[in-house]
Full PDB file with SEQRES, HELIX, SHEET, SSBOND, CRYST1, ORIGX, SCALE, CONECT and MASTER records, all heavy atoms in Angstrom:
SEQRES   1 A   37  ASN TYR LYS VAL ALA LEU TYR GLY ASP GLY LYS ILE ALA          
SEQRES   2 A   37  THR LEU ILE ASP VAL ILE ASP GLY GLY SER PRO LEU TRP          
SEQRES   3 A   37  GLY ASN TYR GLU VAL ALA ASP GLY LYS PHE LYS                  
SHEET    1 AA1 2 TYR A   2  TYR A   7  0                                        
SHEET    2 AA1 2 ILE A  12  ASP A  17 -1                                        
SHEET    1 AA2 2 GLU A  30  ALA A  32  0                                        
SHEET    2 AA2 2 LYS A  35  PHE A  36 -1                                        
CRYST1    1.000    1.000    1.000  90.00  90.00  90.00 P 1           1          
ORIGX1      1.000000  0.000000  0.000000        0.00000                         
ORIGX2      0.000000  1.000000  0.000000        0.00000                         
ORIGX3      0.000000  0.000000  1.000000        0.00000                         
SCALE1      1.000000  0.000000  0.000000        0.00000                         
SCALE2      0.000000  1.000000  0.000000        0.00000                         
SCALE3      0.000000  0.000000  1.000000        0.00000                         
ATOM      1  N   ASN A   1     -67.319 -76.203 -47.607  1.00  0.00           N  
ATOM      2  CA  ASN A   1     -67.240 -77.402 -48.389  1.00  0.00           C  
ATOM      3  C   ASN A   1     -68.290 -78.432 -47.982  1.00  0.00           C  
ATOM      4  O   ASN A   1     -67.950 -79.606 -47.720  1.00  0.00           O  
ATOM      5  CB  ASN A   1     -65.819 -78.027 -48.283  1.00  0.00           C  
ATOM      6  CG  ASN A   1     -64.747 -77.058 -48.767  1.00  0.00           C  
ATOM      7  OD1 ASN A   1     -64.941 -76.391 -49.735  1.00  0.00           O  
ATOM      8  ND2 ASN A   1     -63.643 -77.042 -48.074  1.00  0.00           N  
ATOM      9  N   TYR A   2     -69.534 -78.028 -47.948  1.00  0.00           N  
ATOM     10  CA  TYR A   2     -70.605 -78.879 -47.450  1.00  0.00           C  
ATOM     11  C   TYR A   2     -71.734 -79.060 -48.501  1.00  0.00           C  
ATOM     12  O   TYR A   2     -71.878 -78.233 -49.408  1.00  0.00           O  
ATOM     13  CB  TYR A   2     -71.169 -78.419 -46.129  1.00  0.00           C  
ATOM     14  CG  TYR A   2     -71.757 -77.006 -46.230  1.00  0.00           C  
ATOM     15  CD1 TYR A   2     -73.047 -76.851 -46.605  1.00  0.00           C  
ATOM     16  CD2 TYR A   2     -70.979 -75.950 -45.834  1.00  0.00           C  
ATOM     17  CE1 TYR A   2     -73.605 -75.585 -46.691  1.00  0.00           C  
ATOM     18  CE2 TYR A   2     -71.527 -74.676 -45.880  1.00  0.00           C  
ATOM     19  CZ  TYR A   2     -72.817 -74.487 -46.334  1.00  0.00           C  
ATOM     20  OH  TYR A   2     -73.353 -73.215 -46.423  1.00  0.00           O  
ATOM     21  N   LYS A   3     -72.527 -80.093 -48.285  1.00  0.00           N  
ATOM     22  CA  LYS A   3     -73.713 -80.281 -49.081  1.00  0.00           C  
ATOM     23  C   LYS A   3     -74.748 -80.959 -48.164  1.00  0.00           C  
ATOM     24  O   LYS A   3     -74.446 -81.484 -47.114  1.00  0.00           O  
ATOM     25  CB  LYS A   3     -73.487 -81.143 -50.278  1.00  0.00           C  
ATOM     26  CG  LYS A   3     -73.088 -82.586 -49.976  1.00  0.00           C  
ATOM     27  CD  LYS A   3     -72.872 -83.424 -51.249  1.00  0.00           C  
ATOM     28  CE  LYS A   3     -72.526 -84.900 -50.923  1.00  0.00           C  
ATOM     29  NZ  LYS A   3     -72.306 -85.661 -52.158  1.00  0.00           N  
ATOM     30  N   VAL A   4     -76.028 -80.864 -48.553  1.00  0.00           N  
ATOM     31  CA  VAL A   4     -77.117 -81.458 -47.790  1.00  0.00           C  
ATOM     32  C   VAL A   4     -77.232 -82.931 -48.136  1.00  0.00           C  
ATOM     33  O   VAL A   4     -77.083 -83.352 -49.284  1.00  0.00           O  
ATOM     34  CB  VAL A   4     -78.441 -80.802 -48.125  1.00  0.00           C  
ATOM     35  CG1 VAL A   4     -79.633 -81.500 -47.445  1.00  0.00           C  
ATOM     36  CG2 VAL A   4     -78.415 -79.321 -47.743  1.00  0.00           C  
ATOM     37  N   ALA A   5     -77.395 -83.765 -47.130  1.00  0.00           N  
ATOM     38  CA  ALA A   5     -77.619 -85.199 -47.309  1.00  0.00           C  
ATOM     39  C   ALA A   5     -78.894 -85.563 -46.548  1.00  0.00           C  
ATOM     40  O   ALA A   5     -79.129 -85.221 -45.452  1.00  0.00           O  
ATOM     41  CB  ALA A   5     -76.455 -86.048 -46.792  1.00  0.00           C  
ATOM     42  N   LEU A   6     -79.773 -86.341 -47.240  1.00  0.00           N  
ATOM     43  CA  LEU A   6     -81.045 -86.790 -46.626  1.00  0.00           C  
ATOM     44  C   LEU A   6     -80.929 -88.266 -46.299  1.00  0.00           C  
ATOM     45  O   LEU A   6     -80.433 -89.030 -47.079  1.00  0.00           O  
ATOM     46  CB  LEU A   6     -82.221 -86.601 -47.566  1.00  0.00           C  
ATOM     47  CG  LEU A   6     -82.609 -85.115 -47.832  1.00  0.00           C  
ATOM     48  CD1 LEU A   6     -83.819 -85.079 -48.795  1.00  0.00           C  
ATOM     49  CD2 LEU A   6     -82.914 -84.349 -46.558  1.00  0.00           C  
ATOM     50  N   TYR A   7     -81.474 -88.653 -45.154  1.00  0.00           N  
ATOM     51  CA  TYR A   7     -81.507 -90.021 -44.704  1.00  0.00           C  
ATOM     52  C   TYR A   7     -82.866 -90.326 -44.106  1.00  0.00           C  
ATOM     53  O   TYR A   7     -83.776 -89.513 -44.204  1.00  0.00           O  
ATOM     54  CB  TYR A   7     -80.398 -90.266 -43.691  1.00  0.00           C  
ATOM     55  CG  TYR A   7     -79.012 -90.150 -44.190  1.00  0.00           C  
ATOM     56  CD1 TYR A   7     -78.261 -88.986 -43.940  1.00  0.00           C  
ATOM     57  CD2 TYR A   7     -78.411 -91.132 -44.930  1.00  0.00           C  
ATOM     58  CE1 TYR A   7     -76.955 -88.858 -44.370  1.00  0.00           C  
ATOM     59  CE2 TYR A   7     -77.105 -91.014 -45.446  1.00  0.00           C  
ATOM     60  CZ  TYR A   7     -76.379 -89.852 -45.150  1.00  0.00           C  
ATOM     61  OH  TYR A   7     -75.129 -89.696 -45.625  1.00  0.00           O  
ATOM     62  N   GLY A   8     -83.054 -91.523 -43.551  1.00  0.00           N  
ATOM     63  CA  GLY A   8     -84.300 -91.853 -42.963  1.00  0.00           C  
ATOM     64  C   GLY A   8     -85.468 -91.750 -43.846  1.00  0.00           C  
ATOM     65  O   GLY A   8     -86.528 -91.254 -43.517  1.00  0.00           O  
ATOM     66  N   ASP A   9     -85.260 -92.209 -45.123  1.00  0.00           N  
ATOM     67  CA  ASP A   9     -86.309 -92.093 -46.122  1.00  0.00           C  
ATOM     68  C   ASP A   9     -86.786 -90.669 -46.287  1.00  0.00           C  
ATOM     69  O   ASP A   9     -88.003 -90.419 -46.504  1.00  0.00           O  
ATOM     70  CB  ASP A   9     -87.456 -93.045 -45.800  1.00  0.00           C  
ATOM     71  CG  ASP A   9     -87.046 -94.488 -45.773  1.00  0.00           C  
ATOM     72  OD1 ASP A   9     -86.283 -94.939 -46.624  1.00  0.00           O  
ATOM     73  OD2 ASP A   9     -87.431 -95.194 -44.843  1.00  0.00           O  
ATOM     74  N   GLY A  10     -85.848 -89.749 -46.252  1.00  0.00           N  
ATOM     75  CA  GLY A  10     -86.139 -88.358 -46.509  1.00  0.00           C  
ATOM     76  C   GLY A  10     -86.594 -87.561 -45.274  1.00  0.00           C  
ATOM     77  O   GLY A  10     -86.888 -86.337 -45.406  1.00  0.00           O  
ATOM     78  N   LYS A  11     -86.564 -88.128 -44.134  1.00  0.00           N  
ATOM     79  CA  LYS A  11     -87.061 -87.464 -42.910  1.00  0.00           C  
ATOM     80  C   LYS A  11     -85.918 -86.960 -41.998  1.00  0.00           C  
ATOM     81  O   LYS A  11     -86.213 -86.297 -40.988  1.00  0.00           O  
ATOM     82  CB  LYS A  11     -87.990 -88.410 -42.108  1.00  0.00           C  
ATOM     83  CG  LYS A  11     -89.257 -88.751 -42.921  1.00  0.00           C  
ATOM     84  CD  LYS A  11     -90.132 -89.633 -42.088  1.00  0.00           C  
ATOM     85  CE  LYS A  11     -91.466 -89.966 -42.857  1.00  0.00           C  
ATOM     86  NZ  LYS A  11     -92.348 -90.849 -42.110  1.00  0.00           N  
ATOM     87  N   ILE A  12     -84.671 -87.299 -42.353  1.00  0.00           N  
ATOM     88  CA  ILE A  12     -83.493 -86.834 -41.610  1.00  0.00           C  
ATOM     89  C   ILE A  12     -82.615 -86.041 -42.567  1.00  0.00           C  
ATOM     90  O   ILE A  12     -82.428 -86.419 -43.711  1.00  0.00           O  
ATOM     91  CB  ILE A  12     -82.733 -87.992 -41.029  1.00  0.00           C  
ATOM     92  CG1 ILE A  12     -83.562 -88.810 -40.062  1.00  0.00           C  
ATOM     93  CG2 ILE A  12     -81.462 -87.519 -40.307  1.00  0.00           C  
ATOM     94  CD1 ILE A  12     -82.864 -90.061 -39.542  1.00  0.00           C  
ATOM     95  N   ALA A  13     -82.076 -84.934 -42.083  1.00  0.00           N  
ATOM     96  CA  ALA A  13     -81.152 -84.146 -42.890  1.00  0.00           C  
ATOM     97  C   ALA A  13     -79.888 -83.781 -42.104  1.00  0.00           C  
ATOM     98  O   ALA A  13     -79.936 -83.630 -40.893  1.00  0.00           O  
ATOM     99  CB  ALA A  13     -81.860 -82.880 -43.367  1.00  0.00           C  
ATOM    100  N   THR A  14     -78.814 -83.665 -42.852  1.00  0.00           N  
ATOM    101  CA  THR A  14     -77.577 -83.231 -42.231  1.00  0.00           C  
ATOM    102  C   THR A  14     -76.713 -82.527 -43.304  1.00  0.00           C  
ATOM    103  O   THR A  14     -77.069 -82.546 -44.463  1.00  0.00           O  
ATOM    104  CB  THR A  14     -76.773 -84.420 -41.648  1.00  0.00           C  
ATOM    105  OG1 THR A  14     -75.690 -83.927 -40.897  1.00  0.00           O  
ATOM    106  CG2 THR A  14     -76.306 -85.393 -42.730  1.00  0.00           C  
ATOM    107  N   LEU A  15     -75.631 -81.921 -42.868  1.00  0.00           N  
ATOM    108  CA  LEU A  15     -74.622 -81.410 -43.807  1.00  0.00           C  
ATOM    109  C   LEU A  15     -73.406 -82.317 -43.736  1.00  0.00           C  
ATOM    110  O   LEU A  15     -72.999 -82.704 -42.666  1.00  0.00           O  
ATOM    111  CB  LEU A  15     -74.199 -79.977 -43.416  1.00  0.00           C  
ATOM    112  CG  LEU A  15     -75.315 -78.903 -43.482  1.00  0.00           C  
ATOM    113  CD1 LEU A  15     -74.711 -77.558 -43.038  1.00  0.00           C  
ATOM    114  CD2 LEU A  15     -75.920 -78.785 -44.854  1.00  0.00           C  
ATOM    115  N   ILE A  16     -72.884 -82.669 -44.883  1.00  0.00           N  
ATOM    116  CA  ILE A  16     -71.652 -83.505 -44.940  1.00  0.00           C  
ATOM    117  C   ILE A  16     -70.592 -82.781 -45.761  1.00  0.00           C  
ATOM    118  O   ILE A  16     -70.898 -82.034 -46.665  1.00  0.00           O  
ATOM    119  CB  ILE A  16     -71.941 -84.903 -45.507  1.00  0.00           C  
ATOM    120  CG1 ILE A  16     -72.500 -84.835 -46.907  1.00  0.00           C  
ATOM    121  CG2 ILE A  16     -72.898 -85.664 -44.579  1.00  0.00           C  
ATOM    122  CD1 ILE A  16     -72.567 -86.205 -47.563  1.00  0.00           C  
ATOM    123  N   ASP A  17     -69.387 -83.069 -45.415  1.00  0.00           N  
ATOM    124  CA  ASP A  17     -68.233 -82.520 -46.100  1.00  0.00           C  
ATOM    125  C   ASP A  17     -68.135 -83.179 -47.474  1.00  0.00           C  
ATOM    126  O   ASP A  17     -68.149 -84.371 -47.598  1.00  0.00           O  
ATOM    127  CB  ASP A  17     -66.953 -82.807 -45.254  1.00  0.00           C  
ATOM    128  CG  ASP A  17     -65.732 -82.045 -45.823  1.00  0.00           C  
ATOM    129  OD1 ASP A  17     -65.303 -82.358 -46.974  1.00  0.00           O  
ATOM    130  OD2 ASP A  17     -65.180 -81.229 -45.136  1.00  0.00           O  
ATOM    131  N   VAL A  18     -68.033 -82.342 -48.539  1.00  0.00           N  
ATOM    132  CA  VAL A  18     -68.034 -82.931 -49.866  1.00  0.00           C  
ATOM    133  C   VAL A  18     -66.722 -83.643 -50.190  1.00  0.00           C  
ATOM    134  O   VAL A  18     -66.673 -84.473 -51.138  1.00  0.00           O  
ATOM    135  CB  VAL A  18     -68.299 -81.774 -50.911  1.00  0.00           C  
ATOM    136  CG1 VAL A  18     -69.616 -81.145 -50.760  1.00  0.00           C  
ATOM    137  CG2 VAL A  18     -67.153 -80.753 -50.866  1.00  0.00           C  
ATOM    138  N   ILE A  19     -65.665 -83.401 -49.423  1.00  0.00           N  
ATOM    139  CA  ILE A  19     -64.390 -84.013 -49.718  1.00  0.00           C  
ATOM    140  C   ILE A  19     -64.253 -85.370 -49.020  1.00  0.00           C  
ATOM    141  O   ILE A  19     -63.958 -86.382 -49.656  1.00  0.00           O  
ATOM    142  CB  ILE A  19     -63.246 -83.084 -49.290  1.00  0.00           C  
ATOM    143  CG1 ILE A  19     -63.268 -81.781 -50.164  1.00  0.00           C  
ATOM    144  CG2 ILE A  19     -61.891 -83.781 -49.489  1.00  0.00           C  
ATOM    145  CD1 ILE A  19     -62.290 -80.749 -49.699  1.00  0.00           C  
ATOM    146  N   ASP A  20     -64.526 -85.409 -47.713  1.00  0.00           N  
ATOM    147  CA  ASP A  20     -64.236 -86.678 -46.965  1.00  0.00           C  
ATOM    148  C   ASP A  20     -65.489 -87.334 -46.445  1.00  0.00           C  
ATOM    149  O   ASP A  20     -65.430 -88.384 -45.745  1.00  0.00           O  
ATOM    150  CB  ASP A  20     -63.267 -86.431 -45.842  1.00  0.00           C  
ATOM    151  CG  ASP A  20     -63.813 -85.488 -44.748  1.00  0.00           C  
ATOM    152  OD1 ASP A  20     -64.981 -85.178 -44.750  1.00  0.00           O  
ATOM    153  OD2 ASP A  20     -63.017 -85.025 -43.899  1.00  0.00           O  
ATOM    154  N   GLY A  21     -66.687 -86.828 -46.740  1.00  0.00           N  
ATOM    155  CA  GLY A  21     -67.906 -87.431 -46.303  1.00  0.00           C  
ATOM    156  C   GLY A  21     -68.203 -87.313 -44.817  1.00  0.00           C  
ATOM    157  O   GLY A  21     -69.164 -87.910 -44.308  1.00  0.00           O  
ATOM    158  N   GLY A  22     -67.379 -86.567 -44.088  1.00  0.00           N  
ATOM    159  CA  GLY A  22     -67.584 -86.386 -42.706  1.00  0.00           C  
ATOM    160  C   GLY A  22     -68.450 -85.154 -42.438  1.00  0.00           C  
ATOM    161  O   GLY A  22     -69.315 -84.791 -43.233  1.00  0.00           O  
ATOM    162  N   SER A  23     -68.231 -84.493 -41.257  1.00  0.00           N  
ATOM    163  CA  SER A  23     -69.045 -83.349 -40.883  1.00  0.00           C  
ATOM    164  C   SER A  23     -68.212 -82.048 -41.149  1.00  0.00           C  
ATOM    165  O   SER A  23     -67.007 -82.012 -40.881  1.00  0.00           O  
ATOM    166  CB  SER A  23     -69.437 -83.403 -39.457  1.00  0.00           C  
ATOM    167  OG  SER A  23     -70.109 -82.226 -39.100  1.00  0.00           O  
ATOM    168  N   PRO A  24     -68.863 -80.986 -41.602  1.00  0.00           N  
ATOM    169  CA  PRO A  24     -68.184 -79.723 -41.734  1.00  0.00           C  
ATOM    170  C   PRO A  24     -68.070 -78.962 -40.452  1.00  0.00           C  
ATOM    171  O   PRO A  24     -67.503 -77.840 -40.335  1.00  0.00           O  
ATOM    172  CB  PRO A  24     -69.043 -78.923 -42.732  1.00  0.00           C  
ATOM    173  CG  PRO A  24     -70.398 -79.424 -42.494  1.00  0.00           C  
ATOM    174  CD  PRO A  24     -70.262 -80.911 -42.147  1.00  0.00           C  
ATOM    175  N   LEU A  25     -68.606 -79.565 -39.353  1.00  0.00           N  
ATOM    176  CA  LEU A  25     -68.556 -78.958 -38.008  1.00  0.00           C  
ATOM    177  C   LEU A  25     -67.372 -79.586 -37.269  1.00  0.00           C  
ATOM    178  O   LEU A  25     -67.484 -80.715 -36.769  1.00  0.00           O  
ATOM    179  CB  LEU A  25     -69.888 -79.202 -37.283  1.00  0.00           C  
ATOM    180  CG  LEU A  25     -70.057 -78.569 -35.915  1.00  0.00           C  
ATOM    181  CD1 LEU A  25     -70.091 -77.017 -36.020  1.00  0.00           C  
ATOM    182  CD2 LEU A  25     -71.299 -79.063 -35.195  1.00  0.00           C  
ATOM    183  N   TRP A  26     -66.284 -78.824 -37.200  1.00  0.00           N  
ATOM    184  CA  TRP A  26     -65.100 -79.381 -36.549  1.00  0.00           C  
ATOM    185  C   TRP A  26     -64.166 -78.308 -36.020  1.00  0.00           C  
ATOM    186  O   TRP A  26     -64.298 -77.171 -36.357  1.00  0.00           O  
ATOM    187  CB  TRP A  26     -64.335 -80.294 -37.504  1.00  0.00           C  
ATOM    188  CG  TRP A  26     -63.606 -79.542 -38.637  1.00  0.00           C  
ATOM    189  CD1 TRP A  26     -64.175 -79.041 -39.753  1.00  0.00           C  
ATOM    190  CD2 TRP A  26     -62.222 -79.269 -38.711  1.00  0.00           C  
ATOM    191  NE1 TRP A  26     -63.249 -78.394 -40.535  1.00  0.00           N  
ATOM    192  CE2 TRP A  26     -62.038 -78.545 -39.964  1.00  0.00           C  
ATOM    193  CE3 TRP A  26     -61.108 -79.560 -37.891  1.00  0.00           C  
ATOM    194  CZ2 TRP A  26     -60.766 -78.114 -40.338  1.00  0.00           C  
ATOM    195  CZ3 TRP A  26     -59.842 -79.126 -38.337  1.00  0.00           C  
ATOM    196  CH2 TRP A  26     -59.686 -78.401 -39.509  1.00  0.00           C  
ATOM    197  N   GLY A  27     -63.319 -78.724 -35.140  1.00  0.00           N  
ATOM    198  CA  GLY A  27     -62.324 -77.779 -34.564  1.00  0.00           C  
ATOM    199  C   GLY A  27     -61.104 -78.551 -34.066  1.00  0.00           C  
ATOM    200  O   GLY A  27     -61.155 -79.831 -34.045  1.00  0.00           O  
ATOM    201  N   ASN A  28     -60.102 -77.848 -33.707  1.00  0.00           N  
ATOM    202  CA  ASN A  28     -58.877 -78.565 -33.162  1.00  0.00           C  
ATOM    203  C   ASN A  28     -58.478 -77.973 -31.809  1.00  0.00           C  
ATOM    204  O   ASN A  28     -58.907 -76.858 -31.444  1.00  0.00           O  
ATOM    205  CB  ASN A  28     -57.757 -78.650 -34.144  1.00  0.00           C  
ATOM    206  CG  ASN A  28     -57.271 -77.281 -34.564  1.00  0.00           C  
ATOM    207  OD1 ASN A  28     -57.414 -76.296 -33.844  1.00  0.00           O  
ATOM    208  ND2 ASN A  28     -56.562 -77.191 -35.720  1.00  0.00           N  
ATOM    209  N   TYR A  29     -57.635 -78.682 -31.112  1.00  0.00           N  
ATOM    210  CA  TYR A  29     -57.155 -78.261 -29.805  1.00  0.00           C  
ATOM    211  C   TYR A  29     -55.723 -78.754 -29.682  1.00  0.00           C  
ATOM    212  O   TYR A  29     -55.336 -79.801 -30.140  1.00  0.00           O  
ATOM    213  CB  TYR A  29     -58.032 -78.734 -28.687  1.00  0.00           C  
ATOM    214  CG  TYR A  29     -58.233 -80.224 -28.627  1.00  0.00           C  
ATOM    215  CD1 TYR A  29     -57.449 -81.049 -27.788  1.00  0.00           C  
ATOM    216  CD2 TYR A  29     -59.161 -80.818 -29.427  1.00  0.00           C  
ATOM    217  CE1 TYR A  29     -57.623 -82.423 -27.779  1.00  0.00           C  
ATOM    218  CE2 TYR A  29     -59.339 -82.242 -29.407  1.00  0.00           C  
ATOM    219  CZ  TYR A  29     -58.601 -83.034 -28.580  1.00  0.00           C  
ATOM    220  OH  TYR A  29     -58.744 -84.429 -28.569  1.00  0.00           O  
ATOM    221  N   GLU A  30     -54.937 -78.000 -28.955  1.00  0.00           N  
ATOM    222  CA  GLU A  30     -53.521 -78.290 -28.784  1.00  0.00           C  
ATOM    223  C   GLU A  30     -53.327 -79.394 -27.689  1.00  0.00           C  
ATOM    224  O   GLU A  30     -53.874 -79.278 -26.582  1.00  0.00           O  
ATOM    225  CB  GLU A  30     -52.740 -77.023 -28.440  1.00  0.00           C  
ATOM    226  CG  GLU A  30     -51.228 -77.209 -28.593  1.00  0.00           C  
ATOM    227  CD  GLU A  30     -50.499 -75.879 -28.504  1.00  0.00           C  
ATOM    228  OE1 GLU A  30     -51.103 -74.859 -28.146  1.00  0.00           O  
ATOM    229  OE2 GLU A  30     -49.279 -75.828 -28.836  1.00  0.00           O  
ATOM    230  N   VAL A  31     -52.559 -80.405 -27.984  1.00  0.00           N  
ATOM    231  CA  VAL A  31     -52.252 -81.467 -27.012  1.00  0.00           C  
ATOM    232  C   VAL A  31     -50.813 -81.408 -26.557  1.00  0.00           C  
ATOM    233  O   VAL A  31     -50.492 -82.005 -25.569  1.00  0.00           O  
ATOM    234  CB  VAL A  31     -52.589 -82.864 -27.614  1.00  0.00           C  
ATOM    235  CG1 VAL A  31     -54.079 -83.000 -27.814  1.00  0.00           C  
ATOM    236  CG2 VAL A  31     -51.828 -83.080 -28.910  1.00  0.00           C  
ATOM    237  N   ALA A  32     -49.958 -80.756 -27.328  1.00  0.00           N  
ATOM    238  CA  ALA A  32     -48.583 -80.569 -26.942  1.00  0.00           C  
ATOM    239  C   ALA A  32     -48.059 -79.352 -27.736  1.00  0.00           C  
ATOM    240  O   ALA A  32     -48.768 -78.833 -28.586  1.00  0.00           O  
ATOM    241  CB  ALA A  32     -47.738 -81.817 -27.252  1.00  0.00           C  
ATOM    242  N   ASP A  33     -46.870 -78.994 -27.517  1.00  0.00           N  
ATOM    243  CA  ASP A  33     -46.307 -77.828 -28.204  1.00  0.00           C  
ATOM    244  C   ASP A  33     -46.365 -77.964 -29.731  1.00  0.00           C  
ATOM    245  O   ASP A  33     -45.663 -78.808 -30.316  1.00  0.00           O  
ATOM    246  CB  ASP A  33     -44.812 -77.692 -27.809  1.00  0.00           C  
ATOM    247  CG  ASP A  33     -44.575 -76.315 -27.102  1.00  0.00           C  
ATOM    248  OD1 ASP A  33     -45.546 -75.572 -27.010  1.00  0.00           O  
ATOM    249  OD2 ASP A  33     -43.415 -76.037 -26.734  1.00  0.00           O  
ATOM    250  N   GLY A  34     -47.277 -77.214 -30.318  1.00  0.00           N  
ATOM    251  CA  GLY A  34     -47.398 -77.241 -31.795  1.00  0.00           C  
ATOM    252  C   GLY A  34     -48.094 -78.456 -32.308  1.00  0.00           C  
ATOM    253  O   GLY A  34     -48.167 -78.671 -33.568  1.00  0.00           O  
ATOM    254  N   LYS A  35     -48.623 -79.330 -31.467  1.00  0.00           N  
ATOM    255  CA  LYS A  35     -49.335 -80.558 -31.922  1.00  0.00           C  
ATOM    256  C   LYS A  35     -50.817 -80.439 -31.579  1.00  0.00           C  
ATOM    257  O   LYS A  35     -51.177 -80.101 -30.440  1.00  0.00           O  
ATOM    258  CB  LYS A  35     -48.694 -81.809 -31.297  1.00  0.00           C  
ATOM    259  CG  LYS A  35     -47.288 -82.069 -31.749  1.00  0.00           C  
ATOM    260  CD  LYS A  35     -46.720 -83.357 -31.177  1.00  0.00           C  
ATOM    261  CE  LYS A  35     -45.351 -83.643 -31.643  1.00  0.00           C  
ATOM    262  NZ  LYS A  35     -44.783 -84.896 -31.096  1.00  0.00           N  
ATOM    263  N   PHE A  36     -51.657 -80.753 -32.573  1.00  0.00           N  
ATOM    264  CA  PHE A  36     -53.064 -80.557 -32.424  1.00  0.00           C  
ATOM    265  C   PHE A  36     -53.851 -81.845 -32.743  1.00  0.00           C  
ATOM    266  O   PHE A  36     -53.392 -82.676 -33.537  1.00  0.00           O  
ATOM    267  CB  PHE A  36     -53.590 -79.452 -33.338  1.00  0.00           C  
ATOM    268  CG  PHE A  36     -53.041 -78.082 -32.955  1.00  0.00           C  
ATOM    269  CD1 PHE A  36     -51.798 -77.711 -33.410  1.00  0.00           C  
ATOM    270  CD2 PHE A  36     -53.774 -77.226 -32.187  1.00  0.00           C  
ATOM    271  CE1 PHE A  36     -51.288 -76.439 -33.120  1.00  0.00           C  
ATOM    272  CE2 PHE A  36     -53.273 -75.970 -31.832  1.00  0.00           C  
ATOM    273  CZ  PHE A  36     -52.034 -75.625 -32.285  1.00  0.00           C  
ATOM    274  N   LYS A  37     -55.023 -82.011 -32.122  1.00  0.00           N  
ATOM    275  CA  LYS A  37     -55.945 -83.066 -32.483  1.00  0.00           C  
ATOM    276  C   LYS A  37     -57.255 -82.376 -32.952  1.00  0.00           C  
ATOM    277  O   LYS A  37     -57.601 -81.261 -32.507  1.00  0.00           O  
ATOM    278  CB  LYS A  37     -56.227 -83.968 -31.265  1.00  0.00           C  
ATOM    279  CG  LYS A  37     -55.114 -84.945 -31.029  1.00  0.00           C  
ATOM    280  CD  LYS A  37     -55.528 -85.973 -29.918  1.00  0.00           C  
ATOM    281  CE  LYS A  37     -54.438 -87.000 -29.775  1.00  0.00           C  
ATOM    282  NZ  LYS A  37     -54.809 -88.038 -28.745  1.00  0.00           N  
TER     283      LYS A  37                                                      
MASTER        0    0    0    0    4    0    0    6  282    1    0    3          
END                                                                             
């Protein structure tokens, strides 16, 4: 669910999540029984 976004007057590029505008690079980890961040 990503698309290319250009910044820095076209000299910077990244991938952003098309749904929330964040990054498509993410993961989670368990902090308690069945609870994740």
